[in-house]
C-alpha atoms as a PDB file:
ATOM      1  CA  MET A   1     -39.257 -35.832  -2.956  1.00  0.00           C
ATOM      2  CA  ALA A   2     -39.843 -35.180  -6.649  1.00  0.00           C
ATOM      3  CA  ARG A   3     -42.263 -37.477  -8.440  1.00  0.00           C
ATOM      4  CA  ILE A   4     -43.873 -37.767 -11.860  1.00  0.00           C
ATOM      5  CA  LEU A   5     -47.212 -35.996 -11.806  1.00  0.00           C
ATOM      6  CA  GLU A   6     -48.232 -36.324 -15.469  1.00  0.00           C
ATOM      7  CA  LEU A   7     -47.119 -38.301 -18.539  1.00  0.00           C
ATOM      8  CA  THR A   8     -48.185 -37.272 -22.036  1.00  0.00           C
ATOM      9  CA  HIS A   9     -47.190 -38.367 -25.495  1.00  0.00           C
ATOM     10  CA  TYR A  10     -48.106 -36.690 -28.776  1.00  0.00           C
ATOM     11  CA  PRO A  11     -48.326 -39.289 -31.565  1.00  0.00           C
ATOM     12  CA  VAL A  12     -48.915 -36.663 -34.266  1.00  0.00           C
ATOM     13  CA  LYS A  13     -46.656 -33.623 -34.024  1.00  0.00           C
ATOM     14  CA  GLY A  14     -48.730 -30.521 -33.337  1.00  0.00           C
ATOM     15  CA  CYS A  15     -51.913 -32.410 -32.449  1.00  0.00           C
ATOM     16  CA  ALA A  16     -53.413 -33.094 -29.027  1.00  0.00           C
ATOM     17  CA  GLY A  17     -51.567 -35.214 -26.514  1.00  0.00           C
ATOM     18  CA  ILE A  18     -52.565 -38.461 -24.838  1.00  0.00           C
ATOM     19  CA  SER A  19     -52.235 -38.698 -21.062  1.00  0.00           C
ATOM     20  CA  VAL A  20     -51.087 -42.116 -19.884  1.00  0.00           C
ATOM     21  CA  PRO A  21     -50.444 -43.698 -16.464  1.00  0.00           C
ATOM     22  CA  GLU A  22     -47.196 -45.299 -17.620  1.00  0.00           C
ATOM     23  CA  ALA A  23     -45.042 -45.325 -20.724  1.00  0.00           C
ATOM     24  CA  ALA A  24     -42.051 -47.011 -22.257  1.00  0.00           C
ATOM     25  CA  VAL A  25     -39.099 -44.678 -22.704  1.00  0.00           C
ATOM     26  CA  THR A  26     -37.413 -45.474 -26.007  1.00  0.00           C
ATOM     27  CA  PRO A  27     -34.236 -43.848 -27.341  1.00  0.00           C
ATOM     28  CA  ALA A  28     -36.574 -41.416 -29.153  1.00  0.00           C
ATOM     29  CA  GLY A  29     -38.639 -40.572 -26.056  1.00  0.00           C
ATOM     30  CA  LEU A  30     -41.997 -41.823 -24.811  1.00  0.00           C
ATOM     31  CA  ALA A  31     -43.326 -44.595 -27.039  1.00  0.00           C
ATOM     32  CA  HIS A  32     -45.122 -43.207 -30.133  1.00  0.00           C
ATOM     33  CA  ASP A  33     -44.219 -39.600 -29.316  1.00  0.00           C
ATOM     34  CA  ARG A  34     -44.086 -37.433 -32.470  1.00  0.00           C
ATOM     35  CA  SER A  35     -43.871 -40.497 -34.686  1.00  0.00           C
ATOM     36  CA  PHE A  36     -46.313 -38.949 -37.180  1.00  0.00           C
ATOM     37  CA  LEU A  37     -46.053 -35.643 -38.999  1.00  0.00           C
ATOM     38  CA  VAL A  38     -48.615 -33.557 -40.876  1.00  0.00           C
ATOM     39  CA  ILE A  39     -47.062 -32.024 -43.979  1.00  0.00           C
ATOM     40  CA  GLY A  40     -48.132 -29.492 -46.563  1.00  0.00           C
ATOM     41  CA  ALA A  41     -46.812 -28.512 -49.959  1.00  0.00           C
ATOM     42  CA  GLY A  42     -43.316 -29.742 -50.691  1.00  0.00           C
ATOM     43  CA  GLY A  43     -43.307 -31.957 -47.617  1.00  0.00           C
ATOM     44  CA  VAL A  44     -42.873 -29.026 -45.204  1.00  0.00           C
ATOM     45  CA  PHE A  45     -44.178 -29.855 -41.732  1.00  0.00           C
ATOM     46  CA  ARG A  46     -47.231 -28.186 -40.277  1.00  0.00           C
ATOM     47  CA  SER A  47     -47.254 -26.946 -36.699  1.00  0.00           C
ATOM     48  CA  GLN A  48     -49.464 -24.859 -34.448  1.00  0.00           C
ATOM     49  CA  ARG A  49     -47.240 -21.893 -35.200  1.00  0.00           C
ATOM     50  CA  ARG A  50     -49.031 -21.537 -38.539  1.00  0.00           C
ATOM     51  CA  ASN A  51     -51.890 -24.018 -38.180  1.00  0.00           C
ATOM     52  CA  PRO A  52     -53.266 -23.720 -34.624  1.00  0.00           C
ATOM     53  CA  ALA A  53     -56.270 -25.885 -35.641  1.00  0.00           C
ATOM     54  CA  LEU A  54     -53.961 -28.900 -35.286  1.00  0.00           C
ATOM     55  CA  ALA A  55     -54.640 -28.686 -31.536  1.00  0.00           C
ATOM     56  CA  ARG A  56     -58.247 -29.758 -32.208  1.00  0.00           C
ATOM     57  CA  ILE A  57     -57.144 -33.095 -33.651  1.00  0.00           C
ATOM     58  CA  ARG A  58     -57.180 -35.833 -30.995  1.00  0.00           C
ATOM     59  CA  PRO A  59     -55.146 -38.924 -31.863  1.00  0.00           C
ATOM     60  CA  GLU A  60     -55.516 -42.398 -30.402  1.00  0.00           C
ATOM     61  CA  ILE A  61     -52.962 -45.134 -31.020  1.00  0.00           C
ATOM     62  CA  ASP A  62     -52.773 -48.752 -29.904  1.00  0.00           C
ATOM     63  CA  ASN A  63     -49.871 -50.046 -27.842  1.00  0.00           C
ATOM     64  CA  ALA A  64     -48.258 -51.707 -30.837  1.00  0.00           C
ATOM     65  CA  GLY A  65     -48.447 -48.524 -32.870  1.00  0.00           C
ATOM     66  CA  THR A  66     -50.225 -50.313 -35.704  1.00  0.00           C
ATOM     67  CA  ARG A  67     -53.538 -48.442 -35.695  1.00  0.00           C
ATOM     68  CA  LEU A  68     -54.033 -44.709 -35.412  1.00  0.00           C
ATOM     69  CA  VAL A  69     -57.403 -42.969 -35.056  1.00  0.00           C
ATOM     70  CA  LEU A  70     -57.860 -39.229 -35.499  1.00  0.00           C
ATOM     71  CA  ARG A  71     -60.866 -37.334 -34.159  1.00  0.00           C
ATOM     72  CA  ALA A  72     -61.942 -33.691 -34.341  1.00  0.00           C
ATOM     73  CA  GLU A  73     -65.127 -31.928 -33.368  1.00  0.00           C
ATOM     74  CA  GLY A  74     -67.457 -31.613 -36.336  1.00  0.00           C
ATOM     75  CA  ALA A  75     -65.783 -34.401 -38.324  1.00  0.00           C
ATOM     76  CA  SER A  76     -66.184 -38.160 -38.407  1.00  0.00           C
ATOM     77  CA  ALA A  77     -63.236 -40.105 -37.021  1.00  0.00           C
ATOM     78  CA  VAL A  78     -60.709 -41.525 -39.453  1.00  0.00           C
ATOM     79  CA  ALA A  79     -58.749 -44.727 -38.778  1.00  0.00           C
ATOM     80  CA  VAL A  80     -55.327 -45.509 -40.210  1.00  0.00           C
ATOM     81  CA  ASP A  81     -53.706 -48.934 -40.468  1.00  0.00           C
ATOM     82  CA  VAL A  82     -50.176 -47.696 -39.972  1.00  0.00           C
ATOM     83  CA  ASP A  83     -47.847 -48.338 -42.896  1.00  0.00           C
ATOM     84  CA  VAL A  84     -44.195 -48.828 -41.950  1.00  0.00           C
ATOM     85  CA  THR A  85     -43.026 -50.439 -45.195  1.00  0.00           C
ATOM     86  CA  GLY A  86     -44.284 -48.093 -47.903  1.00  0.00           C
ATOM     87  CA  GLU A  87     -42.337 -45.841 -50.196  1.00  0.00           C
ATOM     88  CA  ARG A  88     -40.352 -43.110 -48.487  1.00  0.00           C
ATOM     89  CA  ARG A  89     -40.868 -39.477 -49.365  1.00  0.00           C
ATOM     90  CA  GLY A  90     -38.952 -36.370 -48.438  1.00  0.00           C
ATOM     91  CA  VAL A  91     -40.189 -34.163 -45.590  1.00  0.00           C
ATOM     92  CA  GLU A  92     -38.776 -30.967 -44.155  1.00  0.00           C
ATOM     93  CA  LEU A  93     -38.639 -30.095 -40.460  1.00  0.00           C
ATOM     94  CA  PHE A  94     -37.173 -26.686 -39.586  1.00  0.00           C
ATOM     95  CA  GLY A  95     -35.334 -26.643 -42.897  1.00  0.00           C
ATOM     96  CA  VAL A  96     -33.751 -30.072 -42.372  1.00  0.00           C
ATOM     97  CA  ALA A  97     -34.567 -32.908 -44.767  1.00  0.00           C
ATOM     98  CA  TYR A  98     -35.854 -36.214 -43.396  1.00  0.00           C
ATOM     99  CA  LEU A  99     -37.919 -39.096 -44.745  1.00  0.00           C
ATOM    100  CA  GLY A 100     -41.478 -40.174 -44.003  1.00  0.00           C
ATOM    101  CA  ILE A 101     -43.856 -42.948 -45.029  1.00  0.00           C
ATOM    102  CA  ASP A 102     -47.093 -41.548 -46.460  1.00  0.00           C
ATOM    103  CA  GLN A 103     -50.200 -42.936 -44.751  1.00  0.00           C
ATOM    104  CA  GLY A 104     -52.565 -42.677 -47.692  1.00  0.00           C
ATOM    105  CA  ASP A 105     -55.172 -40.545 -49.409  1.00  0.00           C
ATOM    106  CA  ARG A 106     -58.051 -41.150 -46.990  1.00  0.00           C
ATOM    107  CA  VAL A 107     -56.373 -39.601 -43.959  1.00  0.00           C
ATOM    108  CA  ALA A 108     -54.870 -36.910 -46.210  1.00  0.00           C
ATOM    109  CA  MET A 109     -58.351 -35.828 -47.314  1.00  0.00           C
ATOM    110  CA  TRP A 110     -59.565 -35.843 -43.707  1.00  0.00           C
ATOM    111  CA  LEU A 111     -56.663 -33.673 -42.529  1.00  0.00           C
ATOM    112  CA  SER A 112     -57.077 -31.276 -45.444  1.00  0.00           C
ATOM    113  CA  GLU A 113     -60.714 -30.707 -44.526  1.00  0.00           C
ATOM    114  CA  VAL A 114     -60.083 -30.257 -40.798  1.00  0.00           C
ATOM    115  CA  ILE A 115     -57.068 -27.963 -41.219  1.00  0.00           C
ATOM    116  CA  GLY A 116     -58.403 -26.127 -44.260  1.00  0.00           C
ATOM    117  CA  GLU A 117     -55.285 -26.602 -46.375  1.00  0.00           C
ATOM    118  CA  PRO A 118     -53.974 -29.535 -48.453  1.00  0.00           C
ATOM    119  CA  SER A 119     -52.187 -31.837 -46.033  1.00  0.00           C
ATOM    120  CA  ARG A 120     -50.838 -35.360 -45.767  1.00  0.00           C
ATOM    121  CA  LEU A 121     -49.754 -37.621 -42.899  1.00  0.00           C
ATOM    122  CA  VAL A 122     -46.407 -39.390 -42.760  1.00  0.00           C
ATOM    123  CA  ARG A 123     -44.846 -41.737 -40.240  1.00  0.00           C
ATOM    124  CA  VAL A 124     -41.216 -41.785 -39.240  1.00  0.00           C
ATOM    125  CA  PRO A 125     -39.531 -44.757 -40.984  1.00  0.00           C
ATOM    126  CA  PRO A 126     -38.008 -47.569 -38.910  1.00  0.00           C
ATOM    127  CA  GLU A 127     -34.519 -46.682 -40.147  1.00  0.00           C
ATOM    128  CA  HIS A 128     -34.847 -43.052 -38.981  1.00  0.00           C
ATOM    129  CA  ASP A 129     -31.434 -42.192 -37.495  1.00  0.00           C
ATOM    130  CA  ARG A 130     -31.778 -38.537 -36.573  1.00  0.00           C
ATOM    131  CA  VAL A 131     -29.162 -37.156 -34.175  1.00  0.00           C
ATOM    132  CA  THR A 132     -30.407 -34.333 -31.943  1.00  0.00           C
ATOM    133  CA  ASP A 133     -28.262 -31.488 -30.686  1.00  0.00           C
ATOM    134  CA  GLY A 134     -27.694 -30.126 -27.200  1.00  0.00           C
ATOM    135  CA  ALA A 135     -25.413 -30.877 -24.274  1.00  0.00           C
ATOM    136  CA  THR A 136     -26.392 -34.558 -24.387  1.00  0.00           C
ATOM    137  CA  PRO A 137     -26.774 -35.931 -27.915  1.00  0.00           C
ATOM    138  CA  GLY A 138     -29.626 -38.298 -28.621  1.00  0.00           C
ATOM    139  CA  THR A 139     -32.361 -39.016 -31.096  1.00  0.00           C
ATOM    140  CA  SER A 140     -36.072 -38.328 -31.562  1.00  0.00           C
ATOM    141  CA  GLY A 141     -38.843 -38.815 -34.064  1.00  0.00           C
ATOM    142  CA  TYR A 142     -40.360 -35.593 -35.385  1.00  0.00           C
ATOM    143  CA  ALA A 143     -39.991 -33.629 -32.132  1.00  0.00           C
ATOM    144  CA  ASP A 144     -38.555 -30.123 -32.438  1.00  0.00           C
ATOM    145  CA  SER A 145     -35.264 -31.387 -31.035  1.00  0.00           C
ATOM    146  CA  ALA A 146     -34.493 -33.638 -28.053  1.00  0.00           C
ATOM    147  CA  ALA A 147     -36.602 -36.635 -27.103  1.00  0.00           C
ATOM    148  CA  LEU A 148     -38.302 -35.501 -23.895  1.00  0.00           C
ATOM    149  CA  LEU A 149     -39.645 -32.219 -22.542  1.00  0.00           C
ATOM    150  CA  VAL A 150     -39.787 -31.974 -18.750  1.00  0.00           C
ATOM    151  CA  THR A 151     -41.603 -29.239 -16.817  1.00  0.00           C
ATOM    152  CA  ALA A 152     -42.372 -28.761 -13.136  1.00  0.00           C
ATOM    153  CA  ALA A 153     -45.624 -27.946 -11.350  1.00  0.00           C
ATOM    154  CA  GLN A 154     -43.848 -25.407  -9.139  1.00  0.00           C
ATOM    155  CA  SER A 155     -42.597 -23.543 -12.201  1.00  0.00           C
ATOM    156  CA  LEU A 156     -46.143 -23.159 -13.479  1.00  0.00           C
ATOM    157  CA  ASP A 157     -47.239 -21.982 -10.019  1.00  0.00           C
ATOM    158  CA  LEU A 158     -44.711 -19.142 -10.188  1.00  0.00           C
ATOM    159  CA  LEU A 159     -45.740 -18.233 -13.728  1.00  0.00           C
ATOM    160  CA  THR A 160     -49.392 -18.171 -12.644  1.00  0.00           C
ATOM    161  CA  GLU A 161     -48.549 -15.765  -9.813  1.00  0.00           C
ATOM    162  CA  ARG A 162     -46.658 -13.452 -12.143  1.00  0.00           C
ATOM    163  CA  ILE A 163     -49.400 -13.458 -14.774  1.00  0.00           C
ATOM    164  CA  ALA A 164     -51.924 -12.581 -12.055  1.00  0.00           C
ATOM    165  CA  GLU A 165     -49.727  -9.670 -10.949  1.00  0.00           C
ATOM    166  CA  ARG A 166     -50.099  -8.303 -14.488  1.00  0.00           C
ATOM    167  CA  GLY A 167     -53.867  -8.757 -14.401  1.00  0.00           C
ATOM    168  CA  GLY A 168     -53.845 -11.716 -16.770  1.00  0.00           C
ATOM    169  CA  SER A 169     -55.527 -15.111 -16.677  1.00  0.00           C
ATOM    170  CA  PRO A 170     -53.566 -18.267 -15.855  1.00  0.00           C
ATOM    171  CA  VAL A 171     -52.576 -20.714 -18.562  1.00  0.00           C
ATOM    172  CA  PRO A 172     -52.667 -24.502 -18.110  1.00  0.00           C
ATOM    173  CA  MET A 173     -49.597 -26.715 -18.367  1.00  0.00           C
ATOM    174  CA  SER A 174     -50.966 -28.107 -21.642  1.00  0.00           C
ATOM    175  CA  ARG A 175     -49.861 -24.870 -23.360  1.00  0.00           C
ATOM    176  CA  PHE A 176     -46.260 -26.062 -22.948  1.00  0.00           C
ATOM    177  CA  ARG A 177     -46.930 -29.589 -24.316  1.00  0.00           C
ATOM    178  CA  PRO A 178     -44.600 -31.435 -21.899  1.00  0.00           C
ATOM    179  CA  ASN A 179     -43.961 -35.164 -21.853  1.00  0.00           C
ATOM    180  CA  ILE A 180     -43.219 -35.332 -18.124  1.00  0.00           C
ATOM    181  CA  VAL A 181     -44.541 -32.999 -15.436  1.00  0.00           C
ATOM    182  CA  VAL A 182     -42.732 -33.208 -12.119  1.00  0.00           C
ATOM    183  CA  ASP A 183     -44.092 -32.312  -8.693  1.00  0.00           C
ATOM    184  CA  GLY A 184     -42.071 -31.903  -5.524  1.00  0.00           C
ATOM    185  CA  TRP A 185     -39.013 -29.927  -6.561  1.00  0.00           C
ATOM    186  CA  GLY A 186     -38.805 -27.339  -3.821  1.00  0.00           C
ATOM    187  CA  GLU A 187     -38.037 -24.295  -5.947  1.00  0.00           C
ATOM    188  CA  PRO A 188     -39.641 -23.136  -9.206  1.00  0.00           C
ATOM    189  CA  HIS A 189     -37.509 -23.948 -12.255  1.00  0.00           C
ATOM    190  CA  ALA A 190     -35.310 -26.381 -10.354  1.00  0.00           C
ATOM    191  CA  GLU A 191     -35.417 -28.408 -13.589  1.00  0.00           C
ATOM    192  CA  ASP A 192     -33.112 -25.795 -15.185  1.00  0.00           C
ATOM    193  CA  GLY A 193     -30.174 -27.207 -13.263  1.00  0.00           C
ATOM    194  CA  ALA A 194     -30.880 -30.927 -13.581  1.00  0.00           C
ATOM    195  CA  ARG A 195     -28.201 -32.528 -15.750  1.00  0.00           C
ATOM    196  CA  ARG A 196     -28.893 -36.224 -15.195  1.00  0.00           C
ATOM    197  CA  ILE A 197     -32.166 -37.717 -14.016  1.00  0.00           C
ATOM    198  CA  VAL A 198     -33.183 -41.244 -13.126  1.00  0.00           C
ATOM    199  CA  ALA A 199     -36.921 -41.690 -13.604  1.00  0.00           C
ATOM    200  CA  GLY A 200     -38.448 -45.115 -13.163  1.00  0.00           C
ATOM    201  CA  THR A 201     -35.971 -47.428 -14.905  1.00  0.00           C
ATOM    202  CA  ALA A 202     -34.908 -44.786 -17.447  1.00  0.00           C
ATOM    203  CA  GLU A 203     -32.047 -42.294 -17.301  1.00  0.00           C
ATOM    204  CA  LEU A 204     -32.147 -38.892 -18.988  1.00  0.00           C
ATOM    205  CA  GLY A 205     -29.427 -36.397 -19.851  1.00  0.00           C
ATOM    206  CA  TYR A 206     -29.819 -32.619 -20.132  1.00  0.00           C
ATOM    207  CA  SER A 207     -29.965 -31.349 -23.676  1.00  0.00           C
ATOM    208  CA  LYS A 208     -31.065 -27.695 -23.513  1.00  0.00           C
ATOM    209  CA  LEU A 209     -33.640 -25.296 -22.189  1.00  0.00           C
ATOM    210  CA  ALA A 210     -37.000 -25.403 -23.951  1.00  0.00           C
ATOM    211  CA  ILE A 211     -37.275 -22.090 -25.801  1.00  0.00           C
ATOM    212  CA  ARG A 212     -40.930 -21.164 -26.150  1.00  0.00           C
ATOM    213  CA  CYS A 213     -42.727 -19.859 -29.223  1.00  0.00           C
ATOM    214  CA  ALA A 214     -46.213 -18.743 -30.260  1.00  0.00           C
ATOM    215  CA  VAL A 215     -47.577 -22.278 -29.772  1.00  0.00           C
ATOM    216  CA  THR A 216     -47.843 -21.457 -26.056  1.00  0.00           C
ATOM    217  CA  THR A 217     -50.454 -18.800 -26.898  1.00  0.00           C
ATOM    218  CA  VAL A 218     -52.777 -21.371 -28.537  1.00  0.00           C
ATOM    219  CA  ASP A 219     -55.715 -22.682 -26.495  1.00  0.00           C
ATOM    220  CA  GLN A 220     -55.097 -26.424 -26.725  1.00  0.00           C
ATOM    221  CA  ARG A 221     -58.817 -27.223 -26.423  1.00  0.00           C
ATOM    222  CA  THR A 222     -60.095 -24.959 -29.184  1.00  0.00           C
ATOM    223  CA  GLY A 223     -57.108 -24.533 -31.479  1.00  0.00           C
ATOM    224  CA  VAL A 224     -57.472 -20.746 -31.296  1.00  0.00           C
ATOM    225  CA  ARG A 225     -54.724 -18.289 -30.442  1.00  0.00           C
ATOM    226  CA  ALA A 226     -55.443 -16.680 -27.078  1.00  0.00           C
ATOM    227  CA  GLY A 227     -52.279 -14.604 -26.522  1.00  0.00           C
ATOM    228  CA  PRO A 228     -50.326 -12.707 -25.332  1.00  0.00           C
ATOM    229  CA  GLU A 229     -49.805 -14.975 -22.324  1.00  0.00           C
ATOM    230  CA  PRO A 230     -47.654 -16.716 -21.299  1.00  0.00           C
ATOM    231  CA  LEU A 231     -44.977 -15.127 -23.503  1.00  0.00           C
ATOM    232  CA  ARG A 232     -45.663 -11.601 -22.245  1.00  0.00           C
ATOM    233  CA  THR A 233     -44.957 -12.562 -18.649  1.00  0.00           C
ATOM    234  CA  LEU A 234     -42.105 -14.981 -19.404  1.00  0.00           C
ATOM    235  CA  ALA A 235     -40.321 -12.104 -21.139  1.00  0.00           C
ATOM    236  CA  GLY A 236     -39.932 -10.457 -17.752  1.00  0.00           C
ATOM    237  CA  TYR A 237     -37.922 -13.184 -16.052  1.00  0.00           C
ATOM    238  CA  ARG A 238     -37.170 -16.200 -18.256  1.00  0.00           C
ATOM    239  CA  ARG A 239     -34.684 -15.007 -20.873  1.00  0.00           C
ATOM    240  CA  ALA A 240     -32.106 -17.639 -21.750  1.00  0.00           C
ATOM    241  CA  THR A 241     -28.408 -16.863 -22.059  1.00  0.00           C
ATOM    242  CA  GLY A 242     -28.509 -18.114 -25.649  1.00  0.00           C
ATOM    243  CA  GLY A 243     -31.603 -16.061 -26.513  1.00  0.00           C
ATOM    244  CA  GLY A 244     -35.330 -16.697 -26.316  1.00  0.00           C
ATOM    245  CA  LEU A 245     -37.796 -17.283 -23.496  1.00  0.00           C
ATOM    246  CA  ALA A 246     -37.483 -20.594 -21.665  1.00  0.00           C
ATOM    247  CA  PHE A 247     -39.934 -22.782 -19.783  1.00  0.00           C
ATOM    248  CA  GLY A 248     -39.034 -26.405 -19.158  1.00  0.00           C
ATOM    249  CA  VAL A 249     -36.034 -28.465 -20.174  1.00  0.00           C
ATOM    250  CA  LYS A 250     -35.358 -30.902 -23.001  1.00  0.00           C
ATOM    251  CA  PHE A 251     -33.644 -34.193 -22.243  1.00  0.00           C
ATOM    252  CA  ALA A 252     -32.081 -36.938 -24.306  1.00  0.00           C
ATOM    253  CA  VAL A 253     -32.506 -40.584 -23.346  1.00  0.00           C
ATOM    254  CA  ILE A 254     -29.340 -42.119 -21.927  1.00  0.00           C
ATOM    255  CA  ARG A 255     -30.933 -45.385 -20.836  1.00  0.00           C
ATOM    256  CA  PRO A 256     -34.359 -46.549 -22.078  1.00  0.00           C
ATOM    257  CA  GLY A 257     -36.797 -47.962 -19.568  1.00  0.00           C
ATOM    258  CA  THR A 258     -40.289 -47.443 -18.198  1.00  0.00           C
ATOM    259  CA  VAL A 259     -41.812 -44.535 -16.304  1.00  0.00           C
ATOM    260  CA  SER A 260     -45.088 -44.296 -14.409  1.00  0.00           C
ATOM    261  CA  ILE A 261     -47.071 -41.579 -12.681  1.00  0.00           C
ATOM    262  CA  GLY A 262     -45.905 -41.504  -9.068  1.00  0.00           C
ATOM    263  CA  ASP A 263     -42.359 -42.636  -9.853  1.00  0.00           C
ATOM    264  CA  GLU A 264     -39.658 -40.830  -7.935  1.00  0.00           C
ATOM    265  CA  LEU A 265     -37.252 -38.667  -9.947  1.00  0.00           C
ATOM    266  CA  THR A 266     -33.687 -38.590  -8.712  1.00  0.00           C
ATOM    267  CA  VAL A 267     -31.291 -35.944 -10.000  1.00  0.00           C
ATOM    268  CA  THR A 268     -27.819 -37.508 -10.049  1.00  0.00           C
ATOM    269  CA  ALA A 269     -25.993 -34.475 -11.459  1.00  0.00           C
ATOM    270  CA  TRP A 270     -26.692 -30.756 -11.269  1.00  0.00           C
ATOM    271  CA  GLY A 271     -25.372 -27.803 -13.252  1.00  0.00           C
ATOM    272  CA  GLU A 272     -25.792 -24.053 -13.548  1.00  0.00           C
ATOM    273  CA  SER A 273     -28.948 -22.463 -14.882  1.00  0.00           C
ATOM    274  CA  GLU A 274     -28.761 -20.951 -18.366  1.00  0.00           C
ATOM    275  CA  ILE A 275     -31.294 -18.237 -17.521  1.00  0.00           C
ATOM    276  CA  LEU A 276     -30.169 -14.615 -17.408  1.00  0.00           C
ATOM    277  CA  GLU A 277     -30.346 -12.763 -14.121  1.00  0.00           C
ATOM    278  CA  PRO A 278     -33.114 -10.122 -13.795  1.00  0.00           C
ATOM    279  CA  ASN A 279     -30.588  -7.388 -14.657  1.00  0.00           C
ATOM    280  CA  GLY A 280     -29.783  -9.142 -17.942  1.00  0.00           C
ATOM    281  CA  THR A 281     -26.422 -10.557 -16.871  1.00  0.00           C
ATOM    282  CA  ARG A 282     -25.371 -14.171 -17.025  1.00  0.00           C
ATOM    283  CA  PRO A 283     -25.713 -16.134 -13.780  1.00  0.00           C
ATOM    284  CA  SER A 284     -22.596 -16.069 -11.622  1.00  0.00           C
ATOM    285  CA  GLY A 285     -20.624 -19.266 -11.392  1.00  0.00           C
END
């Protein structure tokens, strides 16, 4: 029986996550997930791809989403009374233009000092109507794409074994920054084939495989790149049919609800994996 092992939301894209025992699932994913964005010059988003120090920033947010606190080692905490009515400004996420509400000079100065480059913080506006791509359309805040990222404990177990075979050190699940970690699927990467999932009172629809990037090589405790794992080992067995190295699956929200650690996950529809066979061919139908 598959159950939810971990729940994590990431209020500020690229910054540390917050583990929670239960969470509301909104159309845009777990409540507060990626609802804030750190931007640089011209409104272009910052991520751990270029600014790994973001991992050192630990957000806290109240249930109502009205007060955000940011902490980082070596810096005093900064508190933000969240503005959802202020003037909108343009932001850019993977070359796509969106809007954000600037959260003020005080937090901007704090971020600039911690990251080491001029930065500002914006919040997704209430009227944000982004449509995400993938097999199941949906919406999200400032996530890379679909609303929820699901990984499985058994998949990490297999990766750990394969890294060890190469003489490397294991990497924790936090490197993959999932929202939901599942335990109890019998086979590693069973999540690849899940097309519809009922979790708690929410229902999720398959969007796409999660294609991994250099963020997975960043130590999420220190904000320092510690590569080449896991990408080196994933390259040996996790190539997606559409290109890239995959670990985990992205889902859109079909029905909002509530999820809790320990909730059973029921897969109501399965499909074929989009991972290439070891010989580089597409999986047989």
